[in-house]
Protein backbone atom coordinates (compact mmCIF):
# COMPACT_ATOMS: atom_id res chain seq x y z
CA UNK A 1 -0.01 -0.01 -0.03
CA UNK A 2 1.21 3.42 -0.75
CA UNK A 3 2.29 5.26 2.37
CA UNK A 4 -0.05 8.14 1.52
CA UNK A 5 -1.97 7.04 -1.51
CA UNK A 6 -3.61 3.85 -2.73
CA UNK A 7 -5.18 0.77 -1.30
CA UNK A 8 -4.53 -2.91 -1.25
CA UNK A 9 -6.58 -3.40 -4.35
CA UNK A 10 -4.40 -0.86 -6.08
CA UNK A 11 -7.06 1.79 -6.59
CA UNK A 12 -5.27 5.21 -6.09
CA UNK A 13 -7.02 7.79 -4.12
CA UNK A 14 -6.74 11.56 -4.62
CA UNK A 15 -3.69 12.81 -2.93
CA UNK A 16 -1.28 15.60 -1.62
CA UNK A 17 2.14 17.17 -2.72
CA UNK A 18 5.76 18.56 -2.43
CA UNK A 19 6.42 22.20 -1.28
CA UNK A 20 10.15 22.43 -2.06
CA UNK A 21 12.72 19.89 -3.34
CA UNK A 22 15.41 20.93 -0.94
CA UNK A 23 13.06 20.87 2.15
CA UNK A 24 12.01 17.34 1.41
CA UNK A 25 15.56 16.12 0.84
CA UNK A 26 16.92 17.86 3.91
CA UNK A 27 14.00 16.57 6.04
CA UNK A 28 14.65 12.91 4.78
CA UNK A 29 18.35 13.23 5.44
CA UNK A 30 17.83 14.71 8.82
CA UNK A 31 15.38 11.97 9.84
CA UNK A 32 17.70 9.33 8.69
CA UNK A 33 20.57 10.72 10.59
CA UNK A 34 18.68 11.45 13.83
CA UNK A 35 16.66 8.21 13.96
CA UNK A 36 18.98 5.73 12.04
CA UNK A 37 15.77 4.45 10.40
CA UNK A 38 17.64 3.30 7.34
CA UNK A 39 20.66 0.97 7.60
CA UNK A 40 21.81 0.74 4.04
CA UNK A 41 24.29 -1.84 3.24
CA UNK A 42 27.47 -0.55 1.48
CA UNK A 43 26.95 -0.75 -2.42
CA UNK A 44 29.74 -1.93 -4.64
CA UNK A 45 31.21 1.02 -6.49
CA UNK A 46 29.55 1.65 -9.77
CA UNK A 47 31.90 2.35 -12.68
CA UNK A 48 31.56 5.57 -14.77
CA UNK A 49 29.54 4.90 -17.97
CA UNK A 50 32.77 5.52 -19.98
CA UNK A 51 34.19 2.45 -18.12
CA UNK A 52 31.12 0.36 -18.05
CA UNK A 53 30.81 -2.17 -20.93
CA UNK A 54 27.03 -2.22 -20.37
CA UNK A 55 26.90 1.02 -22.35
CA UNK A 56 28.80 -0.21 -25.45
CA UNK A 57 26.74 -1.30 -28.44
CA UNK A 58 26.97 -4.89 -29.32
CA UNK A 59 28.00 -6.10 -32.77
CA UNK A 60 25.08 -6.06 -35.13
CA UNK A 61 22.93 -3.61 -33.19
CA UNK A 62 22.21 -1.52 -36.24
CA UNK A 63 20.19 -4.34 -37.84
CA UNK A 64 17.69 -4.21 -34.85
CA UNK A 65 14.58 -2.08 -35.02
CA UNK A 66 14.50 1.21 -33.17
CA UNK A 67 13.50 0.44 -29.48
CA UNK A 68 14.88 -3.06 -29.49
CA UNK A 69 16.52 -4.10 -26.17
CA UNK A 70 20.17 -4.98 -26.56
CA UNK A 71 20.97 -5.55 -22.83
CA UNK A 72 19.23 -5.32 -19.58
CA UNK A 73 20.27 -5.55 -15.92
CA UNK A 74 18.71 -5.01 -12.54
CA UNK A 75 19.93 -2.10 -10.63
CA UNK A 76 19.50 -0.47 -7.16
CA UNK A 77 18.53 3.19 -6.88
CA UNK A 78 19.34 5.59 -4.19
CA UNK A 79 18.84 8.93 -2.79
CA UNK A 80 22.05 10.80 -2.75
CA UNK A 81 23.66 7.66 -3.93
CA UNK A 82 23.42 6.04 -0.43
CA UNK A 83 19.81 5.77 0.75
CA UNK A 84 18.11 2.90 -1.12
CA UNK A 85 14.88 3.36 -2.77
CA UNK A 86 12.32 0.59 -2.34
CA UNK A 87 11.35 0.08 -5.85
CA UNK A 88 12.19 -2.47 -8.57
CA UNK A 89 14.45 -1.05 -11.27
CA UNK A 90 16.40 -2.02 -14.31
CA UNK A 91 18.43 -0.64 -16.99
CA UNK A 92 17.81 -1.22 -20.78
CA UNK A 93 20.40 -0.53 -23.51
CA UNK A 94 18.42 -0.11 -26.64
CA UNK A 95 18.73 0.68 -30.27
CA UNK A 96 17.82 4.20 -31.22
CA UNK A 97 18.52 6.92 -33.78
CA UNK A 98 20.95 10.03 -33.74
CA UNK A 99 20.49 13.43 -35.12
CA UNK A 100 21.94 12.36 -38.47
CA UNK A 101 19.18 9.52 -38.63
CA UNK A 102 21.81 6.87 -38.23
CA UNK A 103 21.59 3.78 -35.75
CA UNK A 104 22.99 4.39 -32.27
CA UNK A 105 22.12 3.22 -28.69
CA UNK A 106 20.99 4.85 -25.43
CA UNK A 107 20.13 3.65 -21.90
CA UNK A 108 16.88 4.03 -20.03
CA UNK A 109 16.13 3.31 -16.37
CA UNK A 110 12.85 1.68 -15.84
CA UNK A 111 11.11 1.48 -12.42
CA UNK A 112 8.05 -0.24 -10.94
CA UNK A 113 6.56 0.17 -7.45
CA UNK A 114 7.96 -2.33 -4.96
CA UNK A 115 4.28 -3.70 -4.62
CA UNK A 116 3.42 -3.80 -8.23
CA UNK A 117 1.98 -7.00 -9.74
CA UNK A 118 3.81 -7.39 -13.06
CA UNK A 119 0.84 -9.36 -14.31
CA UNK A 120 -1.32 -6.25 -14.20
CA UNK A 121 -1.15 -3.62 -16.91
CA UNK A 122 -0.60 0.01 -16.06
CA UNK A 123 0.28 3.25 -17.63
CA UNK A 124 3.96 4.17 -18.47
CA UNK A 125 5.34 7.78 -17.83
CA UNK A 126 8.69 8.80 -19.52
CA UNK A 127 10.34 11.28 -17.25
CA UNK A 128 13.08 13.36 -18.98
CA UNK A 129 15.37 14.65 -16.32
CA UNK A 130 17.04 18.14 -16.59
CA UNK A 131 20.57 16.86 -16.34
CA UNK A 132 21.83 19.52 -18.77
CA UNK A 133 25.31 18.36 -19.33
CA UNK A 134 27.41 17.43 -22.35
CA UNK A 135 29.07 14.49 -20.26
CA UNK A 136 27.55 11.02 -20.33
CA UNK A 137 28.95 10.63 -16.67
CA UNK A 138 26.17 13.02 -15.60
CA UNK A 139 23.36 10.81 -17.07
CA UNK A 140 20.38 9.69 -14.90
CA UNK A 141 21.15 6.02 -15.43
CA UNK A 142 24.55 6.60 -13.59
CA UNK A 143 23.62 9.29 -10.90
CA UNK A 144 20.65 7.49 -9.59
CA UNK A 145 22.58 4.25 -8.82
CA UNK A 146 23.42 3.36 -5.32
CA UNK A 147 27.06 3.36 -5.05
CA UNK A 148 27.92 5.85 -7.68
CA UNK A 149 29.56 7.93 -4.91
CA UNK A 150 31.12 11.22 -5.18
CA UNK A 151 31.11 11.02 -8.96
CA UNK A 152 27.35 10.45 -8.81
CA UNK A 153 26.84 13.49 -6.55
CA UNK A 154 28.27 15.52 -9.38
CA UNK A 155 24.73 15.21 -10.76
CA UNK A 156 23.17 16.10 -7.44
CA UNK A 157 20.56 18.30 -9.01
CA UNK A 158 19.14 15.19 -10.59
CA UNK A 159 18.37 14.05 -7.18
CA UNK A 160 15.64 16.63 -7.02
CA UNK A 161 13.85 14.56 -9.82
CA UNK A 162 13.34 11.67 -7.18
CA UNK A 163 10.35 13.98 -6.06
CA UNK A 164 8.77 13.45 -9.44
CA UNK A 165 9.53 9.79 -9.36
CA UNK A 166 7.80 9.60 -5.98
CA UNK A 167 4.84 11.22 -7.41
CA UNK A 168 4.60 8.90 -10.24
CA UNK A 169 5.27 5.69 -8.27
CA UNK A 170 2.61 6.68 -5.80
CA UNK A 171 0.03 6.41 -8.55
CA UNK A 172 1.24 2.82 -9.40
CA UNK A 173 2.42 3.79 -12.84
CA UNK A 174 5.65 2.35 -14.48
CA UNK A 175 8.49 4.82 -15.31
CA UNK A 176 11.15 5.21 -17.96
CA UNK A 177 13.87 7.67 -17.31
CA UNK A 178 15.94 7.87 -20.55
CA UNK A 179 19.44 9.14 -21.07
CA UNK A 180 17.91 11.13 -23.89
CA UNK A 181 21.30 12.91 -24.69
CA UNK A 182 22.76 9.62 -25.65
CA UNK A 183 26.30 8.45 -25.17
CA UNK A 184 27.76 11.72 -26.42
CA UNK A 185 25.91 14.25 -24.33
CA UNK A 186 24.00 15.93 -27.15
CA UNK A 187 21.85 18.10 -25.07
CA UNK A 188 20.91 20.97 -27.27
CA UNK A 189 20.61 19.19 -30.66
CA UNK A 190 17.42 18.77 -32.66
CA UNK A 191 15.27 15.39 -33.13
CA UNK A 192 17.82 13.13 -31.29
CA UNK A 193 16.43 13.64 -27.79
CA UNK A 194 12.88 12.98 -29.10
CA UNK A 195 14.06 9.70 -30.90
CA UNK A 196 15.92 8.52 -27.75
CA UNK A 197 12.83 9.31 -25.68
CA UNK A 198 10.46 7.43 -27.85
CA UNK A 199 12.66 4.58 -28.24
CA UNK A 200 13.09 4.33 -24.50
CA UNK A 201 9.33 4.06 -24.43
CA UNK A 202 9.41 1.34 -26.96
CA UNK A 203 12.02 -0.52 -25.03
CA UNK A 204 10.10 -0.18 -21.72
CA UNK A 205 6.84 -1.50 -23.47
CA UNK A 206 8.83 -4.55 -24.66
CA UNK A 207 10.45 -5.35 -21.37
CA UNK A 208 8.63 -8.35 -19.95
CA UNK A 209 9.31 -7.83 -16.16
CA UNK A 210 7.36 -4.45 -16.40
CA UNK A 211 4.32 -6.37 -17.74
CA UNK A 212 3.11 -3.59 -19.97
CA UNK A 213 0.47 -3.97 -22.66
CA UNK A 214 2.96 -3.32 -25.54
CA UNK A 215 2.03 -0.48 -27.86
CA UNK A 216 -1.49 -0.35 -26.14
CA UNK A 217 0.10 0.90 -22.95
CA UNK A 218 -1.27 4.44 -22.12
CA UNK A 219 1.90 6.73 -22.24
CA UNK A 220 2.55 10.12 -20.78
CA UNK A 221 5.77 12.18 -20.94
CA UNK A 222 7.06 14.80 -18.63
CA UNK A 223 10.12 17.04 -18.45
CA UNK A 224 11.29 20.47 -17.19
CA UNK A 225 13.80 22.81 -18.65
CA UNK A 226 16.29 20.76 -20.52
CA UNK A 227 13.91 17.81 -19.68
CA UNK A 228 11.13 19.83 -21.35
CA UNK A 229 13.25 20.30 -24.41
CA UNK A 230 13.76 16.58 -24.67
CA UNK A 231 9.88 16.14 -24.20
CA UNK A 232 9.31 18.84 -26.80
CA UNK A 233 11.43 17.04 -29.33
CA UNK A 234 9.58 13.78 -28.45
CA UNK A 235 6.15 15.46 -28.93
CA UNK A 236 7.28 16.77 -32.35
CA UNK A 237 8.95 13.59 -33.61
CA UNK A 238 6.31 11.15 -32.30
CA UNK A 239 3.66 11.53 -35.10
CA UNK A 240 6.07 10.32 -37.76
CA UNK A 241 8.81 8.43 -35.73
CA UNK A 242 6.78 6.42 -33.37
CA UNK A 243 3.02 6.77 -34.49
CA UNK A 244 2.13 3.51 -32.93
CA UNK A 245 2.64 4.73 -29.35
CA UNK A 246 -0.53 5.38 -27.37
CA UNK A 247 0.55 8.74 -26.07
CA UNK A 248 -2.22 10.31 -23.84
CA UNK A 249 -0.33 13.43 -22.91
CA UNK A 250 2.96 15.40 -22.83
CA UNK A 251 3.77 17.71 -20.02
CA UNK A 252 6.60 20.34 -20.35
CA UNK A 253 7.69 22.94 -17.97
CA UNK A 254 9.74 25.88 -19.21
CA UNK A 255 11.24 23.95 -22.13
CA UNK A 256 14.29 25.46 -23.82
CA UNK A 257 12.43 25.80 -27.12
CA UNK A 258 14.94 28.28 -28.65
CA UNK A 259 18.65 27.79 -27.67
CA UNK A 260 19.72 31.20 -28.92
CA UNK A 261 17.47 32.76 -26.41
CA UNK A 262 19.75 31.53 -23.60
CA UNK A 263 22.20 34.30 -24.61
CA UNK A 264 20.13 36.58 -22.60
CA UNK A 265 21.69 35.01 -19.43
CA UNK A 266 25.21 36.22 -20.34
CA UNK A 267 26.87 37.71 -17.37
CA UNK A 268 24.19 36.60 -14.98
CA UNK A 269 23.98 33.79 -12.41
CA UNK A 270 22.77 31.33 -15.24
CA UNK A 271 25.53 32.20 -17.62
CA UNK A 272 26.86 28.62 -17.38
CA UNK A 273 23.78 27.55 -19.84
CA UNK A 274 25.48 29.25 -22.57
CA UNK A 275 28.74 27.28 -22.07
CA UNK A 276 26.82 24.03 -21.70
CA UNK A 277 24.79 24.68 -24.91
CA UNK A 278 27.82 25.62 -26.93
CA UNK A 279 29.95 22.72 -25.65
CA UNK A 280 27.22 20.33 -26.44
CA UNK A 281 26.82 21.78 -30.03
CA UNK A 282 30.67 21.71 -30.45
CA UNK A 283 30.57 17.96 -29.75
CA UNK A 284 27.66 17.15 -32.07
CA UNK A 285 28.45 19.33 -35.17
CA UNK A 286 32.16 19.30 -36.40
CA UNK A 287 31.53 22.31 -38.58
CA UNK A 288 30.04 24.16 -35.63
CA UNK A 289 33.13 23.31 -33.51
CA UNK A 290 35.57 24.49 -36.33
CA UNK A 291 33.59 27.77 -36.60
CA UNK A 292 33.25 28.31 -32.91
CA UNK A 293 36.92 27.69 -32.29
CA UNK A 294 37.82 30.15 -34.97
CA UNK A 295 36.47 32.87 -32.85
CA UNK A 296 36.83 31.62 -29.16
CA UNK A 297 39.83 32.90 -27.52
CA UNK A 298 42.21 30.24 -25.95
CA UNK A 299 40.56 30.91 -22.63
CA UNK A 300 37.17 30.37 -24.25
CA UNK A 301 38.24 27.10 -26.01
CA UNK A 302 39.57 25.76 -22.61
CA UNK A 303 36.33 26.62 -20.91
CA UNK A 304 34.36 24.87 -23.48
CA UNK A 305 36.47 21.74 -23.30
CA UNK A 306 36.20 21.80 -19.57
CA UNK A 307 32.45 22.37 -19.60
CA UNK A 308 31.70 19.24 -21.64
CA UNK A 309 33.53 17.12 -19.09
CA UNK A 310 31.45 18.48 -16.10
CA UNK A 311 27.85 18.18 -14.64
CA UNK A 312 25.54 21.16 -14.30
CA UNK A 313 26.22 22.01 -10.56
CA UNK A 314 30.06 22.35 -11.16
CA UNK A 315 29.44 24.38 -14.33
CA UNK A 316 26.85 26.56 -12.70
CA UNK A 317 29.05 27.24 -9.75
CA UNK A 318 32.22 28.08 -11.80
CA UNK A 319 30.63 29.96 -14.63
CA UNK A 320 28.27 32.47 -12.67
CA UNK A 321 28.50 35.95 -14.23
CA UNK A 322 30.88 34.97 -16.91
CA UNK A 323 30.80 37.38 -19.89
CA UNK A 324 31.06 35.13 -23.00
CA UNK A 325 31.55 38.15 -25.12
CA UNK A 326 35.02 38.41 -23.41
CA UNK A 327 35.66 34.99 -24.48
CA UNK A 328 35.16 35.77 -28.29
CA UNK A 329 37.50 37.58 -30.67
CA UNK A 330 34.24 39.05 -32.48
CA UNK A 331 31.10 40.64 -30.94
CA UNK A 332 28.36 38.02 -30.02
CA UNK A 333 25.90 39.35 -32.68
CA UNK A 334 28.63 38.90 -35.36
CA UNK A 335 29.29 35.41 -33.96
CA UNK A 336 25.66 34.47 -34.32
CA UNK A 337 25.77 35.41 -38.00
CA UNK A 338 28.71 33.11 -38.86
CA UNK A 339 27.02 30.76 -41.37
CA UNK A 340 27.86 27.52 -39.67
CA UNK A 341 26.81 28.90 -36.28
CA UNK A 342 23.63 30.39 -37.45
CA UNK A 343 22.55 27.29 -39.35
CA UNK A 344 23.20 25.13 -36.57
CA UNK A 345 21.29 27.38 -34.08
CA UNK A 346 18.26 27.59 -36.28
CA UNK A 347 18.02 23.78 -36.34
CA UNK A 348 17.66 23.71 -32.57
CA UNK A 349 14.40 25.65 -32.37
CA UNK A 350 11.03 23.71 -31.48
CA UNK A 351 7.83 24.59 -33.17
CA UNK A 352 8.35 23.53 -36.81
CA UNK A 353 6.62 20.04 -36.25
CA UNK A 354 3.07 19.89 -34.79
CA UNK A 355 2.48 17.41 -32.03
CA UNK A 356 -0.72 15.18 -32.16
CA UNK A 357 -0.76 14.22 -28.47
CA UNK A 358 -2.39 16.57 -25.98
CA UNK A 359 0.07 19.05 -24.52
CA UNK A 360 0.37 20.67 -21.00
CA UNK A 361 2.81 23.55 -21.27
CA UNK A 362 3.71 25.63 -18.26
CA UNK A 363 6.07 28.60 -17.82
CA UNK A 364 6.96 31.07 -15.27
CA UNK A 365 6.38 34.65 -16.60
CA UNK A 366 9.47 35.88 -14.83
CA UNK A 367 11.57 32.92 -15.67
CA UNK A 368 15.15 34.36 -15.68
CA UNK A 369 16.70 31.41 -17.63
CA UNK A 370 13.99 30.52 -20.21
CA UNK A 371 12.26 33.64 -21.48
CA UNK A 372 8.56 33.51 -21.34
CA UNK A 373 8.21 34.85 -24.91
CA UNK A 374 9.84 31.64 -26.35
CA UNK A 375 7.05 29.49 -25.08
CA UNK A 376 4.45 32.04 -25.97
CA UNK A 377 5.66 31.67 -29.47
CA UNK A 378 5.95 27.84 -29.18
CA UNK A 379 2.22 27.68 -27.95
CA UNK A 380 1.15 29.84 -30.86
CA UNK A 381 2.91 27.88 -33.40
CA UNK A 382 1.51 24.49 -32.27
CA UNK A 383 -1.95 25.84 -31.79
CA UNK A 384 -1.88 27.40 -35.18
CA UNK A 385 -0.80 23.97 -36.57
CA UNK A 386 -3.84 22.20 -34.99
CA UNK A 387 -2.26 20.83 -31.70
CA UNK A 388 -4.22 20.78 -28.44
CA UNK A 389 -2.37 22.71 -25.86
CA UNK A 390 -3.22 23.82 -22.29
CA UNK A 391 -0.78 26.58 -21.59
CA UNK A 392 -0.44 27.80 -17.98
CA UNK A 393 1.58 31.08 -17.39
CA UNK A 394 2.62 31.22 -13.65
CA UNK A 395 3.11 34.87 -12.62
CA UNK A 396 4.79 34.09 -9.18
CA UNK A 397 7.43 31.31 -10.04
CA UNK A 398 10.71 31.67 -11.66
CA UNK A 399 13.01 28.95 -13.04
CA UNK A 400 14.24 27.46 -9.79
CA UNK A 401 10.89 27.52 -7.97
CA UNK A 402 8.47 26.34 -10.81
CA UNK A 403 9.66 22.60 -10.84
CA UNK A 404 8.42 22.36 -7.27
CA UNK A 405 5.43 24.70 -7.43
CA UNK A 406 4.33 23.42 -10.72
CA UNK A 407 4.54 19.72 -9.96
CA UNK A 408 1.09 19.18 -8.32
CA UNK A 409 -0.83 20.83 -11.24
CA UNK A 410 1.22 18.75 -13.72
CA UNK A 411 0.60 15.41 -11.88
CA UNK A 412 -3.15 16.25 -11.69
CA UNK A 413 -3.20 16.90 -15.46
CA UNK A 414 -1.46 13.64 -16.15
CA UNK A 415 -3.84 11.72 -13.75
CA UNK A 416 -6.72 13.10 -15.79
CA UNK A 417 -5.05 12.20 -19.16
CA UNK A 418 -4.19 8.57 -18.06
CA UNK A 419 -7.49 7.90 -16.37
CA UNK A 420 -9.46 5.11 -18.11
CA UNK A 421 -11.87 6.51 -20.86
CA UNK A 422 -10.48 10.09 -20.31
CA UNK A 423 -12.19 12.52 -22.58
CA UNK A 424 -10.07 13.95 -25.42
CA UNK A 425 -8.37 17.26 -24.85
CA UNK A 426 -9.55 19.49 -27.70
CA UNK A 427 -8.34 22.92 -28.80
CA UNK A 428 -6.12 25.43 -26.91
CA UNK A 429 -6.50 27.24 -23.82
CA UNK A 430 -4.11 29.70 -22.06
CA UNK A 431 -4.62 30.20 -18.29
CA UNK A 432 -2.79 33.10 -16.50
CA UNK A 433 -2.40 32.19 -12.85
CA UNK A 434 -0.72 33.82 -9.82
CA UNK A 435 0.76 30.50 -9.03
CA UNK A 436 0.18 27.00 -10.08
CA UNK A 437 0.04 26.08 -6.29
CA UNK A 438 -2.75 28.59 -5.59
CA UNK A 439 -5.35 25.73 -6.03
CA UNK A 440 -6.84 23.71 -3.26
CA UNK A 441 -6.44 20.37 -5.16
CA UNK A 442 -2.87 21.21 -6.13
CA UNK A 443 -2.00 22.13 -2.56
CA UNK A 444 -3.35 18.73 -1.32
CA UNK A 445 -1.38 16.91 -4.09
CA UNK A 446 1.80 18.97 -3.16
CA UNK A 447 1.64 17.90 0.47
CA UNK A 448 1.03 14.26 -0.50
CA UNK A 449 4.00 14.03 -2.91
CA UNK A 450 6.17 15.74 -0.25
CA UNK A 451 5.45 12.97 2.32
CA UNK A 452 5.67 10.23 -0.24
CA UNK A 453 9.11 11.49 -1.23
CA UNK A 454 10.14 11.64 2.40
CA UNK A 455 9.02 8.12 3.18
CA UNK A 456 10.49 6.94 -0.12
CA UNK A 457 13.86 8.37 0.93
CA UNK A 458 13.64 6.60 4.22
CA UNK A 459 13.25 3.23 2.42
CA UNK A 460 9.54 2.62 2.73
CA UNK A 461 7.61 1.34 -0.29
CA UNK A 462 5.20 3.78 -1.96
CA UNK A 463 2.52 3.07 -4.35
CA UNK A 464 -0.13 0.41 -4.55
CA UNK A 465 0.46 -2.94 -2.95
CA UNK A 466 -0.95 -5.39 -5.61
CA UNK A 467 0.72 -8.63 -4.56
């Protein structure tokens, strides 16, 4: 039985939610330390992905269909790499497609509630983390594993996504957490994050221990910021790349729908986002790298090389208030007009392909990292093309608070979309709200997820008990 939500028959009840990611994590850690409630056995050290043969594609993988499982293994997930989560979890290496439409591989972490009966079908949610790094050593498949140690803690911001995992597990749903940047850390590229997300869903649907109903499985996707960008590419690619998937809804919070728009953070506390984006594109596009390096100073090139090897927290802390204009030999506007640079950036903009699945888009009006106008425009483009979008503009939250304050409303929307015989979402609607949390049902859901995440961090099972 869920600690807060669910009953022995597996029928979820309306619930309650998380106020702040850091409050939950701190409370859980403090409770563990003060009460000794969890006695976790030492976990064997987990090798970095670059040293782990599991991540390497086997011979002949290109002959497999997209989404085909190439390898699988059971893994143990943990909060802060040491506090074991009481869930059932595996990793799947699967065949997928890169940005040049060539075969490649990726890994997804799939999760079931500890009390789930694999003989019962259930919805699947693909959760795209905002791991925002050009290094594969920062991928969710690594940082979520028990025993990844200090190297895993480099991706400590991904631990905040455990709140979302708790929210989904409490509903009894299966989860896929894809490494949608692939083995090469392609964060800001077009198409590829969508392919890898969709093929992660295909792999999960074909993985027998999850007990899913194949392509008939009701599917939702969810991501915030960089994860929202990955979800956005999945939304745009799905109608042509994976039309067989039964996608009931896609939720995106502050997706980075226009990479060039990140330049407005130059010199601010979020300035590392520029370096992360450029370092990712340098890895993905040889012509972009050649052109960028032509105009980057030696200091700028060294910074890009260092950035692509580090996770978001280290980059964010070491690149606050960096002026990237100082690292170029030409003004930034001239840099953006270099043909190879301009062409690459133009490919990274969402909005040219129209999703057919229902969309829930939410954005902070005063978001200081992802400008509101970019997603105002994305909403307009998708709606003009015939998509169904519920767009919520939050006038209180900014980029760091919206993941927590918008979580309850997002979960409630997904619950409605994944409910049996849910009515179709038709047309477009824009809601301007003071806060997504300024709703009684959202507040109750927020409290529930906060409690579920805390109990989950303490090692208690959450979600329905079905066996």
